[in-house]
Amino acid sequence: MMLTDRELEYLKDLENNKEVVYLLNTRECELIAKLIRSYKEIQRQLSAMQISRD
């Protein structure tokens, strides 16, 4: 499942919004944490690809 740019941006904002995270239940928090980790890994891989291409 690939997320859209808008969804990735939303995750980024959500990661920094502690009030929203506290309102979620534990399962939702785990899901969001996984999505954020996936997002960060994708960003890392894209950066590595850009560096190797340059």
PDB file of N, CA and C in Angstrom:
ATOM      1  N   MET A   1       0.838  -1.175   0.000  1.00  0.00           N
ATOM      2  CA  MET A   1       0.000   0.000   0.000  1.00  0.00           C
ATOM      3  C   MET A   1       0.887   1.244   0.000  1.00  0.00           C
ATOM      4  N   MET A   2       0.762   2.032  -1.019  1.00  0.00           N
ATOM      5  CA  MET A   2       1.498   3.296  -1.055  1.00  0.00           C
ATOM      6  C   MET A   2       0.567   4.415  -0.619  1.00  0.00           C
ATOM      7  N   LEU A   3       1.091   5.287   0.197  1.00  0.00           N
ATOM      8  CA  LEU A   3       0.305   6.427   0.649  1.00  0.00           C
ATOM      9  C   LEU A   3       0.505   7.596  -0.296  1.00  0.00           C
ATOM     10  N   THR A   4      -0.499   8.435  -0.383  1.00  0.00           N
ATOM     11  CA  THR A   4      -0.375   9.629  -1.211  1.00  0.00           C
ATOM     12  C   THR A   4       0.494  10.653  -0.482  1.00  0.00           C
ATOM     13  N   ASP A   5       0.981  11.643  -1.214  1.00  0.00           N
ATOM     14  CA  ASP A   5       1.770  12.709  -0.600  1.00  0.00           C
ATOM     15  C   ASP A   5       0.975  13.400   0.502  1.00  0.00           C
ATOM     16  N   ARG A   6      -0.305  13.592   0.251  1.00  0.00           N
ATOM     17  CA  ARG A   6      -1.161  14.252   1.247  1.00  0.00           C
ATOM     18  C   ARG A   6      -1.260  13.418   2.517  1.00  0.00           C
ATOM     19  N   GLU A   7      -1.416  12.108   2.357  1.00  0.00           N
ATOM     20  CA  GLU A   7      -1.491  11.226   3.524  1.00  0.00           C
ATOM     21  C   GLU A   7      -0.176  11.215   4.292  1.00  0.00           C
ATOM     22  N   LEU A   8       0.933  11.217   3.574  1.00  0.00           N
ATOM     23  CA  LEU A   8       2.237  11.248   4.232  1.00  0.00           C
ATOM     24  C   LEU A   8       2.428  12.550   4.997  1.00  0.00           C
ATOM     25  N   GLU A   9       2.000  13.651   4.418  1.00  0.00           N
ATOM     26  CA  GLU A   9       2.100  14.950   5.088  1.00  0.00           C
ATOM     27  C   GLU A   9       1.229  14.963   6.347  1.00  0.00           C
ATOM     28  N   TYR A  10       0.055  14.356   6.246  1.00  0.00           N
ATOM     29  CA  TYR A  10      -0.839  14.252   7.400  1.00  0.00           C
ATOM     30  C   TYR A  10      -0.175  13.469   8.526  1.00  0.00           C
ATOM     31  N   LEU A  11       0.480  12.368   8.182  1.00  0.00           N
ATOM     32  CA  LEU A  11       1.173  11.561   9.187  1.00  0.00           C
ATOM     33  C   LEU A  11       2.277  12.362   9.860  1.00  0.00           C
ATOM     34  N   LYS A  12       2.994  13.127   9.048  1.00  0.00           N
ATOM     35  CA  LYS A  12       4.065  13.955   9.591  1.00  0.00           C
ATOM     36  C   LYS A  12       3.509  14.946  10.613  1.00  0.00           C
ATOM     37  N   ASP A  13       2.409  15.596  10.257  1.00  0.00           N
ATOM     38  CA  ASP A  13       1.767  16.547  11.166  1.00  0.00           C
ATOM     39  C   ASP A  13       1.251  15.843  12.421  1.00  0.00           C
ATOM     40  N   LEU A  14       0.672  14.676  12.226  1.00  0.00           N
ATOM     41  CA  LEU A  14       0.119  13.924  13.347  1.00  0.00           C
ATOM     42  C   LEU A  14       1.208  13.514  14.327  1.00  0.00           C
ATOM     43  N   GLU A  15       2.359  13.134  13.810  1.00  0.00           N
ATOM     44  CA  GLU A  15       3.471  12.717  14.658  1.00  0.00           C
ATOM     45  C   GLU A  15       3.853  13.840  15.632  1.00  0.00           C
ATOM     46  N   ASN A  16       3.730  15.070  15.188  1.00  0.00           N
ATOM     47  CA  ASN A  16       4.118  16.212  16.015  1.00  0.00           C
ATOM     48  C   ASN A  16       2.980  16.746  16.873  1.00  0.00           C
ATOM     49  N   ASN A  17       1.789  16.175  16.736  1.00  0.00           N
ATOM     50  CA  ASN A  17       0.627  16.661  17.483  1.00  0.00           C
ATOM     51  C   ASN A  17       0.306  15.681  18.610  1.00  0.00           C
ATOM     52  N   LYS A  18       0.927  15.892  19.750  1.00  0.00           N
ATOM     53  CA  LYS A  18       0.777  14.954  20.877  1.00  0.00           C
ATOM     54  C   LYS A  18      -0.655  14.919  21.417  1.00  0.00           C
ATOM     55  N   GLU A  19      -1.376  16.034  21.342  1.00  0.00           N
ATOM     56  CA  GLU A  19      -2.751  16.050  21.845  1.00  0.00           C
ATOM     57  C   GLU A  19      -3.618  15.047  21.101  1.00  0.00           C
ATOM     58  N   VAL A  20      -3.486  14.977  19.797  1.00  0.00           N
ATOM     59  CA  VAL A  20      -4.277  14.037  19.006  1.00  0.00           C
ATOM     60  C   VAL A  20      -3.903  12.609  19.355  1.00  0.00           C
ATOM     61  N   VAL A  21      -2.614  12.338  19.470  1.00  0.00           N
ATOM     62  CA  VAL A  21      -2.157  10.978  19.765  1.00  0.00           C
ATOM     63  C   VAL A  21      -2.715  10.494  21.103  1.00  0.00           C
ATOM     64  N   TYR A  22      -2.756  11.367  22.101  1.00  0.00           N
ATOM     65  CA  TYR A  22      -3.279  10.959  23.399  1.00  0.00           C
ATOM     66  C   TYR A  22      -4.768  10.636  23.358  1.00  0.00           C
ATOM     67  N   LEU A  23      -5.495  11.197  22.425  1.00  0.00           N
ATOM     68  CA  LEU A  23      -6.926  10.936  22.320  1.00  0.00           C
ATOM     69  C   LEU A  23      -7.230   9.603  21.644  1.00  0.00           C
ATOM     70  N   LEU A  24      -6.271   9.054  20.970  1.00  0.00           N
ATOM     71  CA  LEU A  24      -6.485   7.792  20.259  1.00  0.00           C
ATOM     72  C   LEU A  24      -6.331   6.612  21.209  1.00  0.00           C
ATOM     73  N   ASN A  25      -6.975   5.494  20.856  1.00  0.00           N
ATOM     74  CA  ASN A  25      -6.780   4.309  21.683  1.00  0.00           C
ATOM     75  C   ASN A  25      -5.457   3.633  21.308  1.00  0.00           C
ATOM     76  N   THR A  26      -5.079   2.646  22.061  1.00  0.00           N
ATOM     77  CA  THR A  26      -3.764   2.017  21.902  1.00  0.00           C
ATOM     78  C   THR A  26      -3.578   1.410  20.516  1.00  0.00           C
ATOM     79  N   ARG A  27      -4.582   0.726  19.994  1.00  0.00           N
ATOM     80  CA  ARG A  27      -4.456   0.106  18.660  1.00  0.00           C
ATOM     81  C   ARG A  27      -4.228   1.157  17.595  1.00  0.00           C
ATOM     82  N   GLU A  28      -4.957   2.259  17.681  1.00  0.00           N
ATOM     83  CA  GLU A  28      -4.792   3.333  16.707  1.00  0.00           C
ATOM     84  C   GLU A  28      -3.398   3.934  16.810  1.00  0.00           C
ATOM     85  N   CYS A  29      -2.902   4.100  18.023  1.00  0.00           N
ATOM     86  CA  CYS A  29      -1.568   4.651  18.217  1.00  0.00           C
ATOM     87  C   CYS A  29      -0.509   3.728  17.607  1.00  0.00           C
ATOM     88  N   GLU A  30      -0.691   2.426  17.798  1.00  0.00           N
ATOM     89  CA  GLU A  30       0.260   1.465  17.223  1.00  0.00           C
ATOM     90  C   GLU A  30       0.246   1.550  15.703  1.00  0.00           C
ATOM     91  N   LEU A  31      -0.936   1.654  15.114  1.00  0.00           N
ATOM     92  CA  LEU A  31      -1.049   1.754  13.663  1.00  0.00           C
ATOM     93  C   LEU A  31      -0.366   3.024  13.162  1.00  0.00           C
ATOM     94  N   ILE A  32      -0.642   4.130  13.829  1.00  0.00           N
ATOM     95  CA  ILE A  32      -0.039   5.395  13.408  1.00  0.00           C
ATOM     96  C   ILE A  32       1.477   5.338  13.560  1.00  0.00           C
ATOM     97  N   ALA A  33       1.957   4.745  14.641  1.00  0.00           N
ATOM     98  CA  ALA A  33       3.405   4.617  14.842  1.00  0.00           C
ATOM     99  C   ALA A  33       4.025   3.799  13.705  1.00  0.00           C
ATOM    100  N   LYS A  34       3.356   2.726  13.289  1.00  0.00           N
ATOM    101  CA  LYS A  34       3.858   1.913  12.172  1.00  0.00           C
ATOM    102  C   LYS A  34       3.874   2.721  10.880  1.00  0.00           C
ATOM    103  N   LEU A  35       2.814   3.487  10.641  1.00  0.00           N
ATOM    104  CA  LEU A  35       2.766   4.309   9.437  1.00  0.00           C
ATOM    105  C   LEU A  35       3.873   5.360   9.435  1.00  0.00           C
ATOM    106  N   ILE A  36       4.107   5.967  10.585  1.00  0.00           N
ATOM    107  CA  ILE A  36       5.162   6.975  10.679  1.00  0.00           C
ATOM    108  C   ILE A  36       6.525   6.334  10.441  1.00  0.00           C
ATOM    109  N   ARG A  37       6.760   5.150  11.011  1.00  0.00           N
ATOM    110  CA  ARG A  37       8.038   4.449  10.772  1.00  0.00           C
ATOM    111  C   ARG A  37       8.185   4.116   9.288  1.00  0.00           C
ATOM    112  N   SER A  38       7.099   3.664   8.667  1.00  0.00           N
ATOM    113  CA  SER A  38       7.141   3.352   7.237  1.00  0.00           C
ATOM    114  C   SER A  38       7.456   4.610   6.430  1.00  0.00           C
ATOM    115  N   TYR A  39       6.823   5.702   6.801  1.00  0.00           N
ATOM    116  CA  TYR A  39       7.068   6.981   6.129  1.00  0.00           C
ATOM    117  C   TYR A  39       8.538   7.383   6.253  1.00  0.00           C
ATOM    118  N   LYS A  40       9.080   7.269   7.460  1.00  0.00           N
ATOM    119  CA  LYS A  40      10.479   7.646   7.674  1.00  0.00           C
ATOM    120  C   LYS A  40      11.417   6.738   6.872  1.00  0.00           C
ATOM    121  N   GLU A  41      11.099   5.457   6.802  1.00  0.00           N
ATOM    122  CA  GLU A  41      11.926   4.525   6.035  1.00  0.00           C
ATOM    123  C   GLU A  41      11.870   4.855   4.553  1.00  0.00           C
ATOM    124  N   ILE A  42      10.689   5.182   4.048  1.00  0.00           N
ATOM    125  CA  ILE A  42      10.557   5.567   2.638  1.00  0.00           C
ATOM    126  C   ILE A  42      11.379   6.823   2.367  1.00  0.00           C
ATOM    127  N   GLN A  43      11.283   7.801   3.266  1.00  0.00           N
ATOM    128  CA  GLN A  43      12.058   9.032   3.103  1.00  0.00           C
ATOM    129  C   GLN A  43      13.557   8.728   3.092  1.00  0.00           C
ATOM    130  N   ARG A  44      13.999   7.836   3.994  1.00  0.00           N
ATOM    131  CA  ARG A  44      15.419   7.466   4.061  1.00  0.00           C
ATOM    132  C   ARG A  44      15.864   6.808   2.756  1.00  0.00           C
ATOM    133  N   GLN A  45      15.036   5.905   2.245  1.00  0.00           N
ATOM    134  CA  GLN A  45      15.380   5.212   1.006  1.00  0.00           C
ATOM    135  C   GLN A  45      15.416   6.181  -0.174  1.00  0.00           C
ATOM    136  N   LEU A  46      14.468   7.106  -0.222  1.00  0.00           N
ATOM    137  CA  LEU A  46      14.463   8.084  -1.301  1.00  0.00           C
ATOM    138  C   LEU A  46      15.713   8.964  -1.249  1.00  0.00           C
ATOM    139  N   SER A  47      16.111   9.361  -0.050  1.00  0.00           N
ATOM    140  CA  SER A  47      17.326  10.152   0.106  1.00  0.00           C
ATOM    141  C   SER A  47      18.551   9.372  -0.361  1.00  0.00           C
ATOM    142  N   ALA A  48      18.615   8.116   0.017  1.00  0.00           N
ATOM    143  CA  ALA A  48      19.752   7.273  -0.376  1.00  0.00           C
ATOM    144  C   ALA A  48      19.798   7.115  -1.893  1.00  0.00           C
ATOM    145  N   MET A  49      18.630   6.954  -2.514  1.00  0.00           N
ATOM    146  CA  MET A  49      18.582   6.828  -3.967  1.00  0.00           C
ATOM    147  C   MET A  49      19.038   8.119  -4.638  1.00  0.00           C
ATOM    148  N   GLN A  50      18.622   9.240  -4.088  1.00  0.00           N
ATOM    149  CA  GLN A  50      19.011  10.541  -4.651  1.00  0.00           C
ATOM    150  C   GLN A  50      20.517  10.733  -4.540  1.00  0.00           C
ATOM    151  N   ILE A  51      21.087  10.383  -3.391  1.00  0.00           N
ATOM    152  CA  ILE A  51      22.535  10.533  -3.182  1.00  0.00           C
ATOM    153  C   ILE A  51      23.297   9.636  -4.149  1.00  0.00           C
ATOM    154  N   SER A  52      22.841   8.381  -4.301  1.00  0.00           N
ATOM    155  CA  SER A  52      23.560   7.456  -5.192  1.00  0.00           C
ATOM    156  C   SER A  52      23.424   7.890  -6.651  1.00  0.00           C
ATOM    157  N   ARG A  53      22.324   8.536  -6.973  1.00  0.00           N
ATOM    158  CA  ARG A  53      22.115   9.001  -8.353  1.00  0.00           C
ATOM    159  C   ARG A  53      23.018  10.199  -8.651  1.00  0.00           C
ATOM    160  N   ASP A  54      23.224  11.036  -7.647  1.00  0.00           N
ATOM    161  CA  ASP A  54      24.080  12.217  -7.814  1.00  0.00           C
ATOM    162  C   ASP A  54      25.516  11.762  -7.861  1.00  0.00           C
TER     163      ASP A  54
END
